[in-house]
Amino acid sequence: MRIALSVLFLSTQLATTVALAQTAAEREACQADYQKFCKGVLPGGGHVIKCLADHMSELTPECQKVVKANTPG
């Protein structure tokens, strides 16, 4: 039961935040793209930003700006 609740909590948290962006505006700009291209990617270690960057040409223009601003370069 404890594991099921933990999984449910984690799933809820991942569904409601992008976890890559620092501001609410950045999260909002990439939320749909995250759900579409990177839903199974767990946050941490730059995994989400890398996933989004791998789909750069498919992202919305707003999310492309966020990814470029958060990608070391």
N, C-alpha and C. Protein backbone atom coordinates (compact mmCIF):
# COMPACT_ATOMS: atom_id res chain seq x y z
N MET A 1 0.83 -1.20 0.00
CA MET A 1 0.00 0.00 0.00
C MET A 1 0.86 1.25 0.00
N ARG A 2 1.92 1.25 0.79
CA ARG A 2 2.80 2.40 0.88
C ARG A 2 3.46 2.68 -0.49
N ILE A 3 3.85 1.62 -1.17
CA ILE A 3 4.47 1.78 -2.48
C ILE A 3 3.47 2.36 -3.47
N ALA A 4 2.25 1.87 -3.44
CA ALA A 4 1.22 2.38 -4.34
C ALA A 4 0.97 3.87 -4.12
N LEU A 5 0.94 4.29 -2.86
CA LEU A 5 0.75 5.70 -2.57
C LEU A 5 1.93 6.53 -3.03
N SER A 6 3.13 6.00 -2.87
CA SER A 6 4.33 6.70 -3.33
C SER A 6 4.31 6.87 -4.85
N VAL A 7 3.95 5.82 -5.55
CA VAL A 7 3.87 5.88 -7.01
C VAL A 7 2.81 6.88 -7.44
N LEU A 8 1.67 6.86 -6.79
CA LEU A 8 0.60 7.79 -7.11
C LEU A 8 1.06 9.22 -6.88
N PHE A 9 1.71 9.48 -5.76
CA PHE A 9 2.21 10.83 -5.46
C PHE A 9 3.22 11.27 -6.50
N LEU A 10 4.17 10.41 -6.84
CA LEU A 10 5.19 10.74 -7.83
C LEU A 10 4.55 11.01 -9.19
N SER A 11 3.62 10.20 -9.59
CA SER A 11 2.94 10.40 -10.87
C SER A 11 2.22 11.74 -10.91
N THR A 12 1.57 12.08 -9.83
CA THR A 12 0.85 13.35 -9.75
C THR A 12 1.81 14.51 -9.85
N GLN A 13 2.93 14.43 -9.15
CA GLN A 13 3.91 15.51 -9.19
C GLN A 13 4.50 15.68 -10.58
N LEU A 14 4.82 14.60 -11.26
CA LEU A 14 5.39 14.69 -12.59
C LEU A 14 4.39 15.23 -13.60
N ALA A 15 3.15 14.91 -13.42
CA ALA A 15 2.13 15.37 -14.35
C ALA A 15 1.85 16.86 -14.20
N THR A 16 2.13 17.42 -13.04
CA THR A 16 1.77 18.82 -12.81
C THR A 16 2.92 19.79 -12.99
N THR A 17 4.17 19.28 -13.08
CA THR A 17 5.30 20.19 -13.28
C THR A 17 6.24 19.65 -14.32
N VAL A 18 6.91 20.53 -14.96
CA VAL A 18 7.90 20.13 -15.95
C VAL A 18 9.22 19.81 -15.27
N ALA A 19 9.52 20.43 -14.19
CA ALA A 19 10.69 20.16 -13.37
C ALA A 19 12.00 20.57 -14.02
N LEU A 20 11.97 21.18 -15.16
CA LEU A 20 13.21 21.66 -15.75
C LEU A 20 13.33 23.15 -15.56
N ALA A 21 12.24 23.83 -15.60
CA ALA A 21 12.24 25.29 -15.64
C ALA A 21 12.18 25.88 -14.24
N GLN A 22 12.71 27.06 -14.11
CA GLN A 22 12.80 27.71 -12.82
C GLN A 22 11.57 28.55 -12.49
N THR A 23 10.87 29.03 -13.49
CA THR A 23 9.74 29.92 -13.24
C THR A 23 8.43 29.29 -13.72
N ALA A 24 7.35 29.82 -13.21
CA ALA A 24 6.04 29.33 -13.63
C ALA A 24 5.83 29.57 -15.12
N ALA A 25 6.31 30.68 -15.62
CA ALA A 25 6.16 30.98 -17.06
C ALA A 25 6.93 29.98 -17.91
N GLU A 26 8.12 29.58 -17.46
CA GLU A 26 8.90 28.58 -18.21
C GLU A 26 8.22 27.22 -18.16
N ARG A 27 7.72 26.85 -16.99
CA ARG A 27 7.01 25.57 -16.88
C ARG A 27 5.79 25.56 -17.79
N GLU A 28 5.05 26.64 -17.79
CA GLU A 28 3.86 26.72 -18.64
C GLU A 28 4.22 26.64 -20.12
N ALA A 29 5.32 27.28 -20.50
CA ALA A 29 5.74 27.29 -21.91
C ALA A 29 6.08 25.89 -22.41
N CYS A 30 6.56 25.02 -21.52
CA CYS A 30 7.00 23.69 -21.94
C CYS A 30 6.12 22.54 -21.47
N GLN A 31 5.09 22.82 -20.72
CA GLN A 31 4.27 21.75 -20.15
C GLN A 31 3.72 20.79 -21.22
N ALA A 32 3.12 21.33 -22.26
CA ALA A 32 2.53 20.47 -23.29
C ALA A 32 3.60 19.68 -24.02
N ASP A 33 4.74 20.32 -24.31
CA ASP A 33 5.82 19.62 -25.00
C ASP A 33 6.41 18.52 -24.13
N TYR A 34 6.56 18.80 -22.84
CA TYR A 34 7.04 17.79 -21.91
C TYR A 34 6.09 16.58 -21.91
N GLN A 35 4.80 16.84 -21.81
CA GLN A 35 3.82 15.76 -21.80
C GLN A 35 3.86 14.97 -23.11
N LYS A 36 4.07 15.64 -24.21
CA LYS A 36 4.05 14.99 -25.52
C LYS A 36 5.32 14.18 -25.80
N PHE A 37 6.48 14.74 -25.49
CA PHE A 37 7.74 14.13 -25.90
C PHE A 37 8.53 13.47 -24.77
N CYS A 38 8.33 13.89 -23.53
CA CYS A 38 9.23 13.47 -22.46
C CYS A 38 8.51 12.99 -21.21
N LYS A 39 7.28 12.58 -21.34
CA LYS A 39 6.45 12.23 -20.19
C LYS A 39 7.10 11.19 -19.28
N GLY A 40 7.79 10.23 -19.83
CA GLY A 40 8.39 9.17 -19.02
C GLY A 40 9.76 9.51 -18.45
N VAL A 41 10.27 10.70 -18.76
CA VAL A 41 11.60 11.09 -18.30
C VAL A 41 11.51 11.66 -16.89
N LEU A 42 12.28 11.09 -15.99
CA LEU A 42 12.29 11.56 -14.61
C LEU A 42 13.20 12.77 -14.48
N PRO A 43 12.78 13.75 -13.69
CA PRO A 43 13.59 14.95 -13.50
C PRO A 43 14.86 14.66 -12.73
N GLY A 44 15.82 15.53 -12.94
CA GLY A 44 17.10 15.42 -12.24
C GLY A 44 18.22 15.10 -13.21
N GLY A 45 19.35 15.69 -12.95
CA GLY A 45 20.52 15.41 -13.78
C GLY A 45 20.43 15.95 -15.19
N GLY A 46 19.51 16.85 -15.45
CA GLY A 46 19.38 17.43 -16.78
C GLY A 46 18.67 16.55 -17.79
N HIS A 47 18.04 15.47 -17.32
CA HIS A 47 17.40 14.52 -18.24
C HIS A 47 16.23 15.15 -19.00
N VAL A 48 15.42 15.94 -18.33
CA VAL A 48 14.26 16.53 -18.99
C VAL A 48 14.70 17.54 -20.04
N ILE A 49 15.64 18.42 -19.69
CA ILE A 49 16.09 19.41 -20.65
C ILE A 49 16.75 18.74 -21.85
N LYS A 50 17.48 17.65 -21.62
CA LYS A 50 18.10 16.92 -22.73
C LYS A 50 17.03 16.32 -23.63
N CYS A 51 16.02 15.73 -23.03
CA CYS A 51 14.93 15.15 -23.82
C CYS A 51 14.27 16.22 -24.67
N LEU A 52 13.95 17.35 -24.06
CA LEU A 52 13.33 18.43 -24.83
C LEU A 52 14.26 18.93 -25.92
N ALA A 53 15.54 19.06 -25.61
CA ALA A 53 16.51 19.51 -26.61
C ALA A 53 16.60 18.53 -27.78
N ASP A 54 16.44 17.24 -27.50
CA ASP A 54 16.46 16.22 -28.56
C ASP A 54 15.27 16.37 -29.51
N HIS A 55 14.24 17.07 -29.06
CA HIS A 55 13.03 17.29 -29.88
C HIS A 55 12.89 18.76 -30.27
N MET A 56 13.99 19.49 -30.25
CA MET A 56 13.96 20.94 -30.43
C MET A 56 13.12 21.37 -31.63
N SER A 57 13.28 20.74 -32.77
CA SER A 57 12.54 21.18 -33.96
C SER A 57 11.05 20.92 -33.87
N GLU A 58 10.63 20.10 -32.93
CA GLU A 58 9.21 19.78 -32.77
C GLU A 58 8.54 20.59 -31.66
N LEU A 59 9.33 21.31 -30.88
CA LEU A 59 8.79 22.07 -29.74
C LEU A 59 8.11 23.35 -30.20
N THR A 60 7.23 23.85 -29.35
CA THR A 60 6.62 25.15 -29.62
C THR A 60 7.72 26.21 -29.54
N PRO A 61 7.55 27.32 -30.23
CA PRO A 61 8.56 28.38 -30.18
C PRO A 61 8.84 28.87 -28.75
N GLU A 62 7.82 28.93 -27.93
CA GLU A 62 8.00 29.38 -26.55
C GLU A 62 8.88 28.40 -25.77
N CYS A 63 8.65 27.12 -25.94
CA CYS A 63 9.44 26.12 -25.24
C CYS A 63 10.86 26.08 -25.80
N GLN A 64 11.02 26.29 -27.08
CA GLN A 64 12.37 26.34 -27.67
C GLN A 64 13.20 27.41 -26.98
N LYS A 65 12.61 28.56 -26.71
CA LYS A 65 13.32 29.64 -26.02
C LYS A 65 13.75 29.20 -24.63
N VAL A 66 12.85 28.52 -23.92
CA VAL A 66 13.16 28.05 -22.56
C VAL A 66 14.30 27.03 -22.61
N VAL A 67 14.22 26.10 -23.54
CA VAL A 67 15.26 25.06 -23.64
C VAL A 67 16.60 25.70 -23.97
N LYS A 68 16.63 26.62 -24.91
CA LYS A 68 17.88 27.30 -25.27
C LYS A 68 18.44 28.06 -24.07
N ALA A 69 17.59 28.70 -23.29
CA ALA A 69 18.04 29.46 -22.13
C ALA A 69 18.54 28.56 -21.00
N ASN A 70 18.12 27.31 -20.97
CA ASN A 70 18.50 26.40 -19.89
C ASN A 70 19.49 25.32 -20.32
N THR A 71 19.99 25.45 -21.54
CA THR A 71 20.97 24.49 -22.04
C THR A 71 22.35 25.12 -21.96
N PRO A 72 23.27 24.45 -21.29
CA PRO A 72 24.63 25.00 -21.24
C PRO A 72 25.22 25.08 -22.64
N GLY A 73 25.90 26.12 -22.90
CA GLY A 73 26.42 26.23 -24.25
C GLY A 73 27.46 27.21 -24.35
